[in-house]
């Protein structure tokens, strides 16, 4: 295994580059000297056990936290998001482990929340949701109430909230943890469709079956450090297990 790019073809310029990133919470180093690149049109899986630093990495990218040292570059320029709204404005969207939906509101009204800039009218938003449903295989009733939806359907709402913004980088933090097997397969299919459209996808997981099925590249975190990776993950499963 190697973190070096595949020599068979020139690598695309990174959409996002992390260089020697360290993040501490008090005396605890959640990430130490982490470097990796995320390229357009790829599904880059971040693999690691619980506590490896995967969620912290996602939260740095999405502007929830700021690194203590190191450099992030986005589209070649220094990237220092002041918060999630800043990351969203620059084309980075994230689906968190824990949903942030208002249960007594409809799907369309949840999607409209926080959209004061670039306002979408309710009927226009519902039509756009239906279009996304067809494009990505994410069937949703725009006027269903969140409290009446299954866990898998609620996650679909979180995903379309991101996709309706047409992001360049789509980050999903352990998205399959709460899903049934058929829902996992559908989600991985969505990830492939997103990447096929030229966007970058960061998928956080600790499930090797998902790596084997969907990953274009993998970075392995353990104890907050990069300990391995692969540009041919389906063929490198044994080595990824050892690294993890």
Protein backbone atom coordinates (compact mmCIF):
# COMPACT_ATOMS: atom_id res chain seq x y z
CA UNK A 1 0.00 0.00 0.00
CA UNK A 2 1.06 3.52 -0.66
CA UNK A 3 -0.20 7.03 -0.29
CA UNK A 4 1.49 7.96 -3.57
CA UNK A 5 -0.74 8.64 -6.59
CA UNK A 6 -1.43 5.96 -9.16
CA UNK A 7 1.42 6.21 -11.70
CA UNK A 8 -0.69 4.70 -14.46
CA UNK A 9 -2.45 8.04 -15.03
CA UNK A 10 -1.75 11.62 -14.02
CA UNK A 11 -3.66 12.55 -10.86
CA UNK A 12 -6.26 15.29 -11.00
CA UNK A 13 -5.37 18.47 -9.16
CA UNK A 14 -6.71 18.23 -5.61
CA UNK A 15 -9.98 19.99 -4.90
CA UNK A 16 -9.04 20.00 -1.21
CA UNK A 17 -5.60 19.49 0.26
CA UNK A 18 -4.75 19.04 3.95
CA UNK A 19 -1.10 19.49 4.87
CA UNK A 20 0.28 18.52 8.31
CA UNK A 21 -3.02 19.21 10.10
CA UNK A 22 -3.07 18.94 13.90
CA UNK A 23 -6.11 19.48 16.12
CA UNK A 24 -6.06 19.31 19.91
CA UNK A 25 -8.83 19.40 22.49
CA UNK A 26 -7.00 20.35 25.66
CA UNK A 27 -4.12 17.91 26.03
CA UNK A 28 -5.74 15.37 23.68
CA UNK A 29 -4.47 15.32 20.09
CA UNK A 30 -7.49 14.30 17.99
CA UNK A 31 -5.42 14.70 14.79
CA UNK A 32 -1.63 14.77 14.49
CA UNK A 33 0.24 15.83 11.34
CA UNK A 34 -2.50 14.62 8.96
CA UNK A 35 -1.94 15.17 5.23
CA UNK A 36 -4.23 14.04 2.40
CA UNK A 37 -5.71 15.20 -0.90
CA UNK A 38 -9.31 15.00 -2.11
CA UNK A 39 -9.73 15.03 -5.89
CA UNK A 40 -12.72 15.85 -8.09
CA UNK A 41 -14.88 12.95 -9.32
CA UNK A 42 -13.62 10.52 -6.68
CA UNK A 43 -15.04 8.79 -3.63
CA UNK A 44 -12.33 9.10 -1.01
CA UNK A 45 -13.07 6.94 2.02
CA UNK A 46 -11.67 7.80 5.44
CA UNK A 47 -11.32 4.47 7.24
CA UNK A 48 -10.71 3.91 10.92
CA UNK A 49 -12.09 2.54 14.15
CA UNK A 50 -14.04 4.65 16.66
CA UNK A 51 -11.80 7.37 18.08
CA UNK A 52 -9.45 7.39 15.09
CA UNK A 53 -10.16 11.09 14.37
CA UNK A 54 -12.50 10.67 11.40
CA UNK A 55 -15.28 12.95 12.64
CA UNK A 56 -12.79 15.59 13.77
CA UNK A 57 -11.34 15.60 10.25
CA UNK A 58 -14.80 16.10 8.74
CA UNK A 59 -15.58 18.90 11.19
CA UNK A 60 -12.37 20.72 10.23
CA UNK A 61 -13.29 20.54 6.55
CA UNK A 62 -16.81 21.78 7.29
CA UNK A 63 -15.63 24.65 9.49
CA UNK A 64 -17.01 23.35 12.79
CA UNK A 65 -13.48 23.36 14.22
CA UNK A 66 -10.27 25.09 13.15
CA UNK A 67 -6.91 23.33 13.02
CA UNK A 68 -4.25 24.24 15.58
CA UNK A 69 -1.52 23.88 12.96
CA UNK A 70 -1.11 22.90 9.34
CA UNK A 71 -2.63 24.25 6.14
CA UNK A 72 -5.85 23.49 4.27
CA UNK A 73 -6.13 24.51 0.61
CA UNK A 74 -9.35 24.49 -1.42
CA UNK A 75 -9.24 24.95 -5.19
CA UNK A 76 -5.56 25.80 -4.72
CA UNK A 77 -6.14 28.68 -2.29
CA UNK A 78 -5.69 28.78 1.51
CA UNK A 79 -8.90 27.59 3.16
CA UNK A 80 -9.78 28.82 6.65
CA UNK A 81 -13.57 28.59 7.03
CA UNK A 82 -14.94 30.75 9.82
CA UNK A 83 -17.77 28.26 10.34
CA UNK A 84 -20.11 25.84 8.54
CA UNK A 85 -21.90 28.69 6.73
CA UNK A 86 -18.56 29.70 5.24
CA UNK A 87 -17.85 26.15 4.03
CA UNK A 88 -21.36 25.88 2.57
CA UNK A 89 -20.92 29.18 0.73
CA UNK A 90 -17.72 27.82 -0.83
CA UNK A 91 -19.36 24.63 -2.08
CA UNK A 92 -18.75 22.15 0.75
CA UNK A 93 -21.76 20.30 2.20
CA UNK A 94 -21.85 17.70 4.97
CA UNK A 95 -24.21 15.03 6.24
CA UNK A 96 -23.54 14.57 9.96
CA UNK A 97 -23.95 11.40 12.02
CA UNK A 98 -26.80 13.02 13.95
CA UNK A 99 -29.64 14.54 11.94
CA UNK A 100 -30.58 18.20 12.37
CA UNK A 101 -34.18 18.12 11.17
CA UNK A 102 -37.25 19.78 12.71
CA UNK A 103 -39.60 16.85 13.27
CA UNK A 104 -42.94 18.68 13.13
CA UNK A 105 -42.12 20.37 9.82
CA UNK A 106 -42.35 19.01 6.28
CA UNK A 107 -39.47 17.85 4.12
CA UNK A 108 -39.62 20.93 1.90
CA UNK A 109 -39.73 23.31 4.87
CA UNK A 110 -36.72 21.62 6.43
CA UNK A 111 -34.82 22.05 3.17
CA UNK A 112 -35.81 25.72 3.04
CA UNK A 113 -34.55 26.40 6.59
CA UNK A 114 -31.54 28.71 6.62
CA UNK A 115 -31.88 29.53 2.91
CA UNK A 116 -32.32 33.31 3.25
CA UNK A 117 -29.55 33.80 0.69
CA UNK A 118 -30.52 32.52 -2.73
CA UNK A 119 -34.14 32.12 -1.57
CA UNK A 120 -36.12 29.19 -2.96
CA UNK A 121 -39.92 29.46 -2.94
CA UNK A 122 -41.77 26.48 -1.45
CA UNK A 123 -43.33 25.19 -4.69
CA UNK A 124 -40.08 25.74 -6.60
CA UNK A 125 -38.15 23.90 -3.88
CA UNK A 126 -40.59 20.96 -3.95
CA UNK A 127 -40.16 20.68 -7.73
CA UNK A 128 -36.39 20.73 -7.32
CA UNK A 129 -36.59 17.98 -4.68
CA UNK A 130 -38.61 15.84 -7.06
CA UNK A 131 -36.01 16.38 -9.78
CA UNK A 132 -33.21 15.37 -7.39
CA UNK A 133 -35.23 12.29 -6.43
CA UNK A 134 -35.19 11.15 -10.04
CA UNK A 135 -31.57 12.14 -10.69
CA UNK A 136 -30.12 10.42 -7.63
CA UNK A 137 -32.70 7.77 -6.80
CA UNK A 138 -33.81 9.51 -3.59
CA UNK A 139 -37.62 9.22 -3.52
CA UNK A 140 -39.18 11.69 -1.07
CA UNK A 141 -42.57 13.28 -0.61
CA UNK A 142 -41.74 17.00 -0.26
CA UNK A 143 -44.84 17.55 1.89
CA UNK A 144 -44.37 14.61 4.28
CA UNK A 145 -43.68 15.51 7.92
CA UNK A 146 -40.28 14.49 9.26
CA UNK A 147 -41.84 12.78 12.30
CA UNK A 148 -43.67 10.37 9.95
CA UNK A 149 -40.49 9.28 8.12
CA UNK A 150 -38.24 6.28 8.76
CA UNK A 151 -34.60 6.76 9.75
CA UNK A 152 -33.51 6.01 6.18
CA UNK A 153 -35.97 8.54 4.77
CA UNK A 154 -34.79 11.18 7.24
CA UNK A 155 -31.25 10.65 6.04
CA UNK A 156 -32.46 11.14 2.47
CA UNK A 157 -33.76 14.54 3.56
CA UNK A 158 -30.32 15.42 4.96
CA UNK A 159 -28.73 14.33 1.68
CA UNK A 160 -31.08 16.34 -0.54
CA UNK A 161 -30.56 19.38 1.74
CA UNK A 162 -26.92 19.12 0.68
CA UNK A 163 -27.42 18.22 -2.98
CA UNK A 164 -29.88 21.06 -3.62
CA UNK A 165 -26.93 23.40 -2.99
CA UNK A 166 -25.01 21.74 -5.84
CA UNK A 167 -21.81 21.29 -3.77
CA UNK A 168 -18.36 20.64 -5.21
CA UNK A 169 -17.37 18.58 -2.15
CA UNK A 170 -19.83 16.28 -0.36
CA UNK A 171 -18.78 14.98 3.08
CA UNK A 172 -20.66 12.11 4.75
CA UNK A 173 -19.70 11.15 8.32
CA UNK A 174 -20.55 7.49 9.05
CA UNK A 175 -23.74 7.76 6.98
CA UNK A 176 -24.52 4.02 6.93
CA UNK A 177 -24.39 3.43 10.69
CA UNK A 178 -28.18 3.71 11.10
CA UNK A 179 -29.26 2.17 7.79
CA UNK A 180 -30.67 -1.19 6.75
CA UNK A 181 -28.71 -3.21 4.12
CA UNK A 182 -30.89 -2.14 1.17
CA UNK A 183 -30.68 1.48 2.33
CA UNK A 184 -26.88 1.21 2.49
CA UNK A 185 -26.76 -0.03 -1.10
CA UNK A 186 -28.97 2.88 -2.20
CA UNK A 187 -26.78 5.40 -0.37
CA UNK A 188 -23.59 4.07 -1.94
CA UNK A 189 -25.28 4.34 -5.33
CA UNK A 190 -26.03 8.01 -4.58
CA UNK A 191 -22.35 8.56 -3.71
CA UNK A 192 -21.29 7.07 -7.04
CA UNK A 193 -23.75 9.23 -8.97
CA UNK A 194 -22.51 12.36 -7.17
CA UNK A 195 -18.87 11.54 -7.97
CA UNK A 196 -19.72 10.64 -11.56
CA UNK A 197 -21.00 14.19 -11.98
CA UNK A 198 -17.49 15.51 -11.22
CA UNK A 199 -17.92 16.28 -7.53
CA UNK A 200 -15.66 14.96 -4.80
CA UNK A 201 -17.13 12.70 -2.12
CA UNK A 202 -15.56 12.09 1.29
CA UNK A 203 -17.16 9.03 2.89
CA UNK A 204 -16.25 8.19 6.49
CA UNK A 205 -16.65 4.57 7.45
CA UNK A 206 -15.21 1.66 9.40
CA UNK A 207 -16.94 -0.97 7.24
CA UNK A 208 -14.64 -2.83 4.87
CA UNK A 209 -17.51 -4.09 2.69
CA UNK A 210 -18.33 -0.48 1.82
CA UNK A 211 -14.69 0.26 1.04
CA UNK A 212 -14.53 -2.73 -1.28
CA UNK A 213 -17.71 -1.73 -3.09
CA UNK A 214 -17.38 2.02 -3.50
CA UNK A 215 -13.97 3.55 -2.65
CA UNK A 216 -11.74 5.03 -5.34
CA UNK A 217 -9.08 5.87 -2.74
CA UNK A 218 -8.74 5.27 0.98
CA UNK A 219 -6.90 7.02 3.79
CA UNK A 220 -6.60 5.08 7.05
CA UNK A 221 -6.58 6.94 10.36
CA UNK A 222 -5.53 5.41 13.67
CA UNK A 223 -5.07 7.40 16.86
CA UNK A 224 -5.40 10.66 14.94
CA UNK A 225 -2.61 9.85 12.49
CA UNK A 226 -2.52 8.71 8.87
CA UNK A 227 -1.21 5.14 9.04
CA UNK A 228 -1.89 3.94 5.50
CA UNK A 229 -3.94 4.28 2.37
CA UNK A 230 -4.56 2.87 -1.07
CA UNK A 231 -5.45 3.96 -4.58
CA UNK A 232 -6.62 0.37 -5.31
CA UNK A 233 -8.61 -0.32 -2.14
CA UNK A 234 -10.68 -3.27 -3.39
CA UNK A 235 -7.41 -5.16 -3.97
CA UNK A 236 -5.80 -3.98 -0.73
CA UNK A 237 -8.39 -4.97 1.86
CA UNK A 238 -5.98 -7.14 3.90
CA UNK A 239 -3.43 -4.34 4.09
CA UNK A 240 -6.12 -1.83 5.05
CA UNK A 241 -7.24 -4.11 7.88
CA UNK A 242 -3.66 -4.30 9.18
CA UNK A 243 -3.30 -0.52 9.00
CA UNK A 244 -6.61 0.07 10.77
